[in-house]
Every structure is written in C-alpha cells, then in structure tokens.
Amino acid sequence: MVWTCFCGDKIGPIVARNQRGIGAVEYMEMLSDGLVLMIDDLLKKPADQDTICVANENSLVFMQDNVPCHRDHWVSKFLQDCGVLEVPR
C-alpha cells in the first residue's frame, strides 16, 4: 500500500505500508505522516520577502475516493480536527 499527495508542482511524502488492506486507524496514520506534513509545508511563510504566498488554510481542497476507510467517521473527525475540509462525496 502506497499513499502520497500533490499540490501544483509540489509532491508530498510517499507513505508506504506493508499490509495489503488498511482500516481507518492505519489510514489516519498515513494522513498524519503525509497529508498533515504537506499542508504544513504549503502554508509556511516564504523566507523571501518578495515572494507572494497564495496558499492559505482556506484555499486547499482534499479529495479522496469512496474506499471504506476514507468514509469512516473517525477519519472525517481526524480531518476536521486537522482543519481539512473534505469534498462532499
């Protein structure tokens, strides 16, 4: 199982797991290891004062498919707690 994310020309970390299928707990671990770090990186203030930052916490969209672990109540709560809004399915 491999998970990653991207935004424009930035690619997030690749998170790999040895097991074939995963449940909600493992998926939240993958999101914590990948998505949350990617969002933190995207929202960092640029070191260069002349660089314009166009990403903010209201400009990012997280999309996922309807795999059962994506639809789990605890995953939705985890994403809300991280400030991530899901696209309605």
PDB file of N, CA and C in Angstrom:
ATOM      1  N   MET A   1       0.853  -1.163   0.000  1.00  0.00           N
ATOM      2  CA  MET A   1       0.000   0.000   0.000  1.00  0.00           C
ATOM      3  C   MET A   1       0.903   1.232   0.000  1.00  0.00           C
ATOM      4  N   VAL A   2       0.668   2.133  -0.931  1.00  0.00           N
ATOM      5  CA  VAL A   2       1.429   3.373  -1.029  1.00  0.00           C
ATOM      6  C   VAL A   2       0.443   4.534  -1.092  1.00  0.00           C
ATOM      7  N   TRP A   3       0.762   5.617  -0.396  1.00  0.00           N
ATOM      8  CA  TRP A   3      -0.079   6.805  -0.388  1.00  0.00           C
ATOM      9  C   TRP A   3       0.810   8.015  -0.575  1.00  0.00           C
ATOM     10  N   THR A   4       0.344   8.978  -1.355  1.00  0.00           N
ATOM     11  CA  THR A   4       1.032  10.251  -1.493  1.00  0.00           C
ATOM     12  C   THR A   4       0.018  11.325  -1.844  1.00  0.00           C
ATOM     13  N   CYS A   5       0.464  12.573  -1.883  1.00  0.00           N
ATOM     14  CA  CYS A   5      -0.401  13.680  -2.254  1.00  0.00           C
ATOM     15  C   CYS A   5       0.418  14.677  -3.063  1.00  0.00           C
ATOM     16  N   PHE A   6      -0.282  15.559  -3.768  1.00  0.00           N
ATOM     17  CA  PHE A   6       0.421  16.576  -4.549  1.00  0.00           C
ATOM     18  C   PHE A   6      -0.402  17.841  -4.583  1.00  0.00           C
ATOM     19  N   CYS A   7       0.269  18.945  -4.851  1.00  0.00           N
ATOM     20  CA  CYS A   7      -0.383  20.237  -4.993  1.00  0.00           C
ATOM     21  C   CYS A   7       0.466  21.055  -5.953  1.00  0.00           C
ATOM     22  N   GLY A   8      -0.053  21.305  -7.147  1.00  0.00           N
ATOM     23  CA  GLY A   8       0.725  22.028  -8.149  1.00  0.00           C
ATOM     24  C   GLY A   8       1.976  21.253  -8.493  1.00  0.00           C
ATOM     25  N   ASP A   9       3.140  21.885  -8.319  1.00  0.00           N
ATOM     26  CA  ASP A   9       4.390  21.208  -8.630  1.00  0.00           C
ATOM     27  C   ASP A   9       5.046  20.592  -7.399  1.00  0.00           C
ATOM     28  N   LYS A  10       4.366  20.624  -6.255  1.00  0.00           N
ATOM     29  CA  LYS A  10       4.899  20.033  -5.028  1.00  0.00           C
ATOM     30  C   LYS A  10       4.313  18.639  -4.824  1.00  0.00           C
ATOM     31  N   ILE A  11       5.188  17.720  -4.495  1.00  0.00           N
ATOM     32  CA  ILE A  11       4.764  16.354  -4.215  1.00  0.00           C
ATOM     33  C   ILE A  11       5.021  16.085  -2.744  1.00  0.00           C
ATOM     34  N   GLY A  12       4.011  15.570  -2.079  1.00  0.00           N
ATOM     35  CA  GLY A  12       4.148  15.250  -0.663  1.00  0.00           C
ATOM     36  C   GLY A  12       4.952  13.989  -0.465  1.00  0.00           C
ATOM     37  N   PRO A  13       5.179  13.628   0.782  1.00  0.00           N
ATOM     38  CA  PRO A  13       5.932  12.413   1.061  1.00  0.00           C
ATOM     39  C   PRO A  13       5.170  11.176   0.591  1.00  0.00           C
ATOM     40  N   ILE A  14       5.918  10.162   0.248  1.00  0.00           N
ATOM     41  CA  ILE A  14       5.322   8.870  -0.103  1.00  0.00           C
ATOM     42  C   ILE A  14       5.313   8.033   1.168  1.00  0.00           C
ATOM     43  N   VAL A  15       4.126   7.592   1.557  1.00  0.00           N
ATOM     44  CA  VAL A  15       3.970   6.792   2.769  1.00  0.00           C
ATOM     45  C   VAL A  15       3.653   5.374   2.330  1.00  0.00           C
ATOM     46  N   ALA A  16       4.483   4.429   2.742  1.00  0.00           N
ATOM     47  CA  ALA A  16       4.297   3.027   2.347  1.00  0.00           C
ATOM     48  C   ALA A  16       3.952   2.187   3.576  1.00  0.00           C
ATOM     49  N   ARG A  17       3.082   1.225   3.381  1.00  0.00           N
ATOM     50  CA  ARG A  17       2.709   0.277   4.424  1.00  0.00           C
ATOM     51  C   ARG A  17       2.845  -1.123   3.838  1.00  0.00           C
ATOM     52  N   ASN A  18       3.233  -2.087   4.684  1.00  0.00           N
ATOM     53  CA  ASN A  18       3.461  -3.450   4.224  1.00  0.00           C
ATOM     54  C   ASN A  18       2.183  -4.247   4.012  1.00  0.00           C
ATOM     55  N   GLN A  19       1.141  -3.913   4.758  1.00  0.00           N
ATOM     56  CA  GLN A  19      -0.078  -4.704   4.641  1.00  0.00           C
ATOM     57  C   GLN A  19      -0.844  -4.352   3.358  1.00  0.00           C
ATOM     58  N   ARG A  20      -1.658  -5.273   2.903  1.00  0.00           N
ATOM     59  CA  ARG A  20      -2.418  -5.068   1.668  1.00  0.00           C
ATOM     60  C   ARG A  20      -3.589  -4.123   1.890  1.00  0.00           C
ATOM     61  N   GLY A  21      -4.437  -4.404   2.827  1.00  0.00           N
ATOM     62  CA  GLY A  21      -5.580  -3.547   3.110  1.00  0.00           C
ATOM     63  C   GLY A  21      -5.342  -2.784   4.400  1.00  0.00           C
ATOM     64  N   ILE A  22      -6.003  -1.661   4.529  1.00  0.00           N
ATOM     65  CA  ILE A  22      -5.850  -0.887   5.756  1.00  0.00           C
ATOM     66  C   ILE A  22      -7.221  -0.474   6.267  1.00  0.00           C
ATOM     67  N   GLY A  23      -7.291  -0.217   7.544  1.00  0.00           N
ATOM     68  CA  GLY A  23      -8.516   0.281   8.159  1.00  0.00           C
ATOM     69  C   GLY A  23      -8.377   1.765   8.461  1.00  0.00           C
ATOM     70  N   ALA A  24      -9.349   2.285   9.180  1.00  0.00           N
ATOM     71  CA  ALA A  24      -9.392   3.716   9.480  1.00  0.00           C
ATOM     72  C   ALA A  24      -8.176   4.167  10.294  1.00  0.00           C
ATOM     73  N   VAL A  25      -7.755   3.368  11.261  1.00  0.00           N
ATOM     74  CA  VAL A  25      -6.628   3.754  12.119  1.00  0.00           C
ATOM     75  C   VAL A  25      -5.352   3.877  11.287  1.00  0.00           C
ATOM     76  N   GLU A  26      -5.095   2.897  10.445  1.00  0.00           N
ATOM     77  CA  GLU A  26      -3.905   2.941   9.594  1.00  0.00           C
ATOM     78  C   GLU A  26      -3.978   4.094   8.593  1.00  0.00           C
ATOM     79  N   TYR A  27      -5.167   4.357   8.081  1.00  0.00           N
ATOM     80  CA  TYR A  27      -5.335   5.461   7.135  1.00  0.00           C
ATOM     81  C   TYR A  27      -5.066   6.805   7.814  1.00  0.00           C
ATOM     82  N   MET A  28      -5.556   6.972   9.045  1.00  0.00           N
ATOM     83  CA  MET A  28      -5.286   8.215   9.775  1.00  0.00           C
ATOM     84  C   MET A  28      -3.790   8.374  10.035  1.00  0.00           C
ATOM     85  N   GLU A  29      -3.085   7.263  10.298  1.00  0.00           N
ATOM     86  CA  GLU A  29      -1.634   7.323  10.472  1.00  0.00           C
ATOM     87  C   GLU A  29      -0.968   7.794   9.175  1.00  0.00           C
ATOM     88  N   MET A  30      -1.434   7.276   8.047  1.00  0.00           N
ATOM     89  CA  MET A  30      -0.881   7.680   6.752  1.00  0.00           C
ATOM     90  C   MET A  30      -1.141   9.166   6.493  1.00  0.00           C
ATOM     91  N   LEU A  31      -2.344   9.623   6.811  1.00  0.00           N
ATOM     92  CA  LEU A  31      -2.663  11.046   6.636  1.00  0.00           C
ATOM     93  C   LEU A  31      -1.795  11.909   7.537  1.00  0.00           C
ATOM     94  N   SER A  32      -1.591  11.455   8.761  1.00  0.00           N
ATOM     95  CA  SER A  32      -0.759  12.204   9.688  1.00  0.00           C
ATOM     96  C   SER A  32       0.679  12.278   9.185  1.00  0.00           C
ATOM     97  N   ASP A  33       1.188  11.175   8.652  1.00  0.00           N
ATOM     98  CA  ASP A  33       2.559  11.125   8.145  1.00  0.00           C
ATOM     99  C   ASP A  33       2.727  11.845   6.811  1.00  0.00           C
ATOM    100  N   GLY A  34       1.650  11.986   6.053  1.00  0.00           N
ATOM    101  CA  GLY A  34       1.767  12.557   4.717  1.00  0.00           C
ATOM    102  C   GLY A  34       1.027  13.862   4.525  1.00  0.00           C
ATOM    103  N   LEU A  35      -0.279  13.827   4.614  1.00  0.00           N
ATOM    104  CA  LEU A  35      -1.111  14.998   4.319  1.00  0.00           C
ATOM    105  C   LEU A  35      -0.842  16.162   5.269  1.00  0.00           C
ATOM    106  N   VAL A  36      -0.800  15.891   6.553  1.00  0.00           N
ATOM    107  CA  VAL A  36      -0.612  16.968   7.531  1.00  0.00           C
ATOM    108  C   VAL A  36       0.741  17.644   7.326  1.00  0.00           C
ATOM    109  N   LEU A  37       1.780  16.851   7.057  1.00  0.00           N
ATOM    110  CA  LEU A  37       3.110  17.430   6.794  1.00  0.00           C
ATOM    111  C   LEU A  37       3.110  18.259   5.516  1.00  0.00           C
ATOM    112  N   MET A  38       2.405  17.779   4.497  1.00  0.00           N
ATOM    113  CA  MET A  38       2.326  18.516   3.229  1.00  0.00           C
ATOM    114  C   MET A  38       1.616  19.852   3.437  1.00  0.00           C
ATOM    115  N   ILE A  39       0.525  19.855   4.173  1.00  0.00           N
ATOM    116  CA  ILE A  39      -0.207  21.096   4.432  1.00  0.00           C
ATOM    117  C   ILE A  39       0.674  22.078   5.206  1.00  0.00           C
ATOM    118  N   ASP A  40       1.370  21.575   6.220  1.00  0.00           N
ATOM    119  CA  ASP A  40       2.273  22.442   6.979  1.00  0.00           C
ATOM    120  C   ASP A  40       3.316  23.072   6.054  1.00  0.00           C
ATOM    121  N   ASP A  41       3.843  22.288   5.129  1.00  0.00           N
ATOM    122  CA  ASP A  41       4.848  22.790   4.188  1.00  0.00           C
ATOM    123  C   ASP A  41       4.242  23.843   3.251  1.00  0.00           C
ATOM    124  N   LEU A  42       3.037  23.587   2.764  1.00  0.00           N
ATOM    125  CA  LEU A  42       2.390  24.532   1.847  1.00  0.00           C
ATOM    126  C   LEU A  42       2.060  25.865   2.519  1.00  0.00           C
ATOM    127  N   LEU A  43       1.760  25.830   3.794  1.00  0.00           N
ATOM    128  CA  LEU A  43       1.333  27.039   4.495  1.00  0.00           C
ATOM    129  C   LEU A  43       2.487  27.811   5.145  1.00  0.00           C
ATOM    130  N   LYS A  44       3.712  27.281   5.022  1.00  0.00           N
ATOM    131  CA  LYS A  44       4.868  28.001   5.573  1.00  0.00           C
ATOM    132  C   LYS A  44       5.037  29.345   4.892  1.00  0.00           C
ATOM    133  N   LYS A  45       5.362  30.334   5.676  1.00  0.00           N
ATOM    134  CA  LYS A  45       5.641  31.656   5.117  1.00  0.00           C
ATOM    135  C   LYS A  45       6.942  31.595   4.325  1.00  0.00           C
ATOM    136  N   PRO A  46       6.959  32.175   3.127  1.00  0.00           N
ATOM    137  CA  PRO A  46       8.194  32.169   2.333  1.00  0.00           C
ATOM    138  C   PRO A  46       9.290  32.967   3.037  1.00  0.00           C
ATOM    139  N   ALA A  47      10.529  32.477   2.942  1.00  0.00           N
ATOM    140  CA  ALA A  47      11.671  33.172   3.547  1.00  0.00           C
ATOM    141  C   ALA A  47      11.961  34.470   2.804  1.00  0.00           C
ATOM    142  N   ASP A  48      11.713  34.472   1.505  1.00  0.00           N
ATOM    143  CA  ASP A  48      11.969  35.643   0.672  1.00  0.00           C
ATOM    144  C   ASP A  48      10.813  36.625   0.826  1.00  0.00           C
ATOM    145  N   GLN A  49      11.102  37.831   1.261  1.00  0.00           N
ATOM    146  CA  GLN A  49      10.073  38.843   1.482  1.00  0.00           C
ATOM    147  C   GLN A  49       9.349  39.250   0.200  1.00  0.00           C
ATOM    148  N   ASP A  50       9.980  39.047  -0.962  1.00  0.00           N
ATOM    149  CA  ASP A  50       9.372  39.433  -2.237  1.00  0.00           C
ATOM    150  C   ASP A  50       8.439  38.367  -2.800  1.00  0.00           C
ATOM    151  N   THR A  51       8.430  37.192  -2.197  1.00  0.00           N
ATOM    152  CA  THR A  51       7.585  36.098  -2.671  1.00  0.00           C
ATOM    153  C   THR A  51       6.174  36.274  -2.131  1.00  0.00           C
ATOM    154  N   ILE A  52       5.200  36.146  -3.000  1.00  0.00           N
ATOM    155  CA  ILE A  52       3.793  36.264  -2.609  1.00  0.00           C
ATOM    156  C   ILE A  52       3.278  34.867  -2.265  1.00  0.00           C
ATOM    157  N   CYS A  53       2.682  34.725  -1.115  1.00  0.00           N
ATOM    158  CA  CYS A  53       2.109  33.448  -0.693  1.00  0.00           C
ATOM    159  C   CYS A  53       0.635  33.432  -1.080  1.00  0.00           C
ATOM    160  N   VAL A  54       0.250  32.477  -1.921  1.00  0.00           N
ATOM    161  CA  VAL A  54      -1.143  32.419  -2.368  1.00  0.00           C
ATOM    162  C   VAL A  54      -1.938  31.312  -1.684  1.00  0.00           C
ATOM    163  N   ALA A  55      -1.261  30.375  -1.020  1.00  0.00           N
ATOM    164  CA  ALA A  55      -1.962  29.293  -0.324  1.00  0.00           C
ATOM    165  C   ALA A  55      -2.279  29.731   1.093  1.00  0.00           C
ATOM    166  N   ASN A  56      -3.484  29.424   1.520  1.00  0.00           N
ATOM    167  CA  ASN A  56      -3.840  29.606   2.923  1.00  0.00           C
ATOM    168  C   ASN A  56      -4.751  28.453   3.320  1.00  0.00           C
ATOM    169  N   GLU A  57      -5.099  28.416   4.593  1.00  0.00           N
ATOM    170  CA  GLU A  57      -5.881  27.274   5.071  1.00  0.00           C
ATOM    171  C   GLU A  57      -7.251  27.167   4.423  1.00  0.00           C
ATOM    172  N   ASN A  58      -7.705  28.208   3.718  1.00  0.00           N
ATOM    173  CA  ASN A  58      -8.999  28.162   3.047  1.00  0.00           C
ATOM    174  C   ASN A  58      -8.895  27.903   1.550  1.00  0.00           C
ATOM    175  N   SER A  59      -7.695  27.686   1.039  1.00  0.00           N
ATOM    176  CA  SER A  59      -7.529  27.537  -0.402  1.00  0.00           C
ATOM    177  C   SER A  59      -7.191  26.117  -0.834  1.00  0.00           C
ATOM    178  N   LEU A  60      -7.084  25.203   0.094  1.00  0.00           N
ATOM    179  CA  LEU A  60      -6.696  23.837  -0.234  1.00  0.00           C
ATOM    180  C   LEU A  60      -7.917  22.921  -0.236  1.00  0.00           C
ATOM    181  N   VAL A  61      -7.959  21.998  -1.179  1.00  0.00           N
ATOM    182  CA  VAL A  61      -9.058  21.040  -1.289  1.00  0.00           C
ATOM    183  C   VAL A  61      -8.471  19.639  -1.179  1.00  0.00           C
ATOM    184  N   PHE A  62      -9.051  18.817  -0.336  1.00  0.00           N
ATOM    185  CA  PHE A  62      -8.607  17.440  -0.179  1.00  0.00           C
ATOM    186  C   PHE A  62      -9.669  16.527  -0.774  1.00  0.00           C
ATOM    187  N   MET A  63      -9.260  15.729  -1.754  1.00  0.00           N
ATOM    188  CA  MET A  63     -10.189  14.810  -2.413  1.00  0.00           C
ATOM    189  C   MET A  63      -9.715  13.383  -2.184  1.00  0.00           C
ATOM    190  N   GLN A  64     -10.674  12.489  -2.001  1.00  0.00           N
ATOM    191  CA  GLN A  64     -10.367  11.073  -1.872  1.00  0.00           C
ATOM    192  C   GLN A  64     -11.531  10.281  -2.456  1.00  0.00           C
ATOM    193  N   ASP A  65     -11.301   9.015  -2.694  1.00  0.00           N
ATOM    194  CA  ASP A  65     -12.375   8.215  -3.279  1.00  0.00           C
ATOM    195  C   ASP A  65     -13.236   7.607  -2.168  1.00  0.00           C
ATOM    196  N   ASN A  66     -14.078   6.687  -2.520  1.00  0.00           N
ATOM    197  CA  ASN A  66     -15.034   6.125  -1.556  1.00  0.00           C
ATOM    198  C   ASN A  66     -14.598   4.794  -0.966  1.00  0.00           C
ATOM    199  N   VAL A  67     -13.306   4.589  -0.829  1.00  0.00           N
ATOM    200  CA  VAL A  67     -12.821   3.391  -0.151  1.00  0.00           C
ATOM    201  C   VAL A  67     -13.387   3.415   1.273  1.00  0.00           C
ATOM    202  N   PRO A  68     -13.810   2.277   1.828  1.00  0.00           N
ATOM    203  CA  PRO A  68     -14.453   2.284   3.148  1.00  0.00           C
ATOM    204  C   PRO A  68     -13.675   3.028   4.237  1.00  0.00           C
ATOM    205  N   CYS A  69     -12.353   2.889   4.297  1.00  0.00           N
ATOM    206  CA  CYS A  69     -11.621   3.579   5.370  1.00  0.00           C
ATOM    207  C   CYS A  69     -11.648   5.096   5.184  1.00  0.00           C
ATOM    208  N   HIS A  70     -11.857   5.594   3.961  1.00  0.00           N
ATOM    209  CA  HIS A  70     -11.969   7.039   3.720  1.00  0.00           C
ATOM    210  C   HIS A  70     -13.283   7.585   4.271  1.00  0.00           C
ATOM    211  N   ARG A  71     -14.306   6.750   4.294  1.00  0.00           N
ATOM    212  CA  ARG A  71     -15.645   7.190   4.716  1.00  0.00           C
ATOM    213  C   ARG A  71     -15.879   7.039   6.212  1.00  0.00           C
ATOM    214  N   ASP A  72     -14.918   6.487   6.933  1.00  0.00           N
ATOM    215  CA  ASP A  72     -15.077   6.227   8.353  1.00  0.00           C
ATOM    216  C   ASP A  72     -15.295   7.523   9.144  1.00  0.00           C
ATOM    217  N   HIS A  73     -16.189   7.463  10.114  1.00  0.00           N
ATOM    218  CA  HIS A  73     -16.500   8.626  10.957  1.00  0.00           C
ATOM    219  C   HIS A  73     -15.239   9.186  11.612  1.00  0.00           C
ATOM    220  N   TRP A  74     -14.369   8.313  12.119  1.00  0.00           N
ATOM    221  CA  TRP A  74     -13.165   8.779  12.819  1.00  0.00           C
ATOM    222  C   TRP A  74     -12.187   9.462  11.869  1.00  0.00           C
ATOM    223  N   VAL A  75     -12.146   9.025  10.627  1.00  0.00           N
ATOM    224  CA  VAL A  75     -11.287   9.687   9.635  1.00  0.00           C
ATOM    225  C   VAL A  75     -11.810  11.093   9.365  1.00  0.00           C
ATOM    226  N   SER A  76     -13.127  11.233   9.191  1.00  0.00           N
ATOM    227  CA  SER A  76     -13.713  12.565   8.985  1.00  0.00           C
ATOM    228  C   SER A  76     -13.439  13.470  10.176  1.00  0.00           C
ATOM    229  N   LYS A  77     -13.566  12.943  11.385  1.00  0.00           N
ATOM    230  CA  LYS A  77     -13.283  13.725  12.592  1.00  0.00           C
ATOM    231  C   LYS A  77     -11.816  14.119  12.639  1.00  0.00           C
ATOM    232  N   PHE A  78     -10.918  13.199  12.308  1.00  0.00           N
ATOM    233  CA  PHE A  78      -9.483  13.490  12.275  1.00  0.00           C
ATOM    234  C   PHE A  78      -9.191  14.631  11.302  1.00  0.00           C
ATOM    235  N   LEU A  79      -9.777  14.561  10.105  1.00  0.00           N
ATOM    236  CA  LEU A  79      -9.557  15.601   9.101  1.00  0.00           C
ATOM    237  C   LEU A  79     -10.101  16.947   9.593  1.00  0.00           C
ATOM    238  N   GLN A  80     -11.274  16.942  10.201  1.00  0.00           N
ATOM    239  CA  GLN A  80     -11.832  18.188  10.753  1.00  0.00           C
ATOM    240  C   GLN A  80     -10.915  18.767  11.827  1.00  0.00           C
ATOM    241  N   ASP A  81     -10.405  17.903  12.702  1.00  0.00           N
ATOM    242  CA  ASP A  81      -9.507  18.352  13.771  1.00  0.00           C
ATOM    243  C   ASP A  81      -8.211  18.943  13.209  1.00  0.00           C
ATOM    244  N   CYS A  82      -7.803  18.477  12.030  1.00  0.00           N
ATOM    245  CA  CYS A  82      -6.599  18.997  11.367  1.00  0.00           C
ATOM    246  C   CYS A  82      -6.907  20.238  10.521  1.00  0.00           C
ATOM    247  N   GLY A  83      -8.180  20.626  10.472  1.00  0.00           N
ATOM    248  CA  GLY A  83      -8.552  21.790   9.677  1.00  0.00           C
ATOM    249  C   GLY A  83      -8.694  21.501   8.194  1.00  0.00           C
ATOM    250  N   VAL A  84      -8.885  20.234   7.846  1.00  0.00           N
ATOM    251  CA  VAL A  84      -9.016  19.832   6.446  1.00  0.00           C
ATOM    252  C   VAL A  84     -10.483  19.621   6.125  1.00  0.00           C
ATOM    253  N   LEU A  85     -10.962  20.340   5.135  1.00  0.00           N
ATOM    254  CA  LEU A  85     -12.337  20.168   4.688  1.00  0.00           C
ATOM    255  C   LEU A  85     -12.372  19.156   3.558  1.00  0.00           C
ATOM    256  N   GLU A  86     -13.255  18.210   3.648  1.00  0.00           N
ATOM    257  CA  GLU A  86     -13.383  17.205   2.614  1.00  0.00           C
ATOM    258  C   GLU A  86     -14.352  17.672   1.532  1.00  0.00           C
ATOM    259  N   VAL A  87     -14.092  17.258   0.310  1.00  0.00           N
ATOM    260  CA  VAL A  87     -15.033  17.493  -0.775  1.00  0.00           C
ATOM    261  C   VAL A  87     -16.185  16.515  -0.585  1.00  0.00           C
ATOM    262  N   PRO A  88     -17.426  16.968  -0.603  1.00  0.00           N
ATOM    263  CA  PRO A  88     -18.558  16.053  -0.434  1.00  0.00           C
ATOM    264  C   PRO A  88     -18.526  14.942  -1.476  1.00  0.00           C
ATOM    265  N   ARG A  89     -18.898  13.752  -1.049  1.00  0.00           N
ATOM    266  CA  ARG A  89     -18.875  12.597  -1.955  1.00  0.00           C
ATOM    267  C   ARG A  89     -20.186  12.490  -2.688  1.00  0.00           C
TER     268      ARG A  89
END
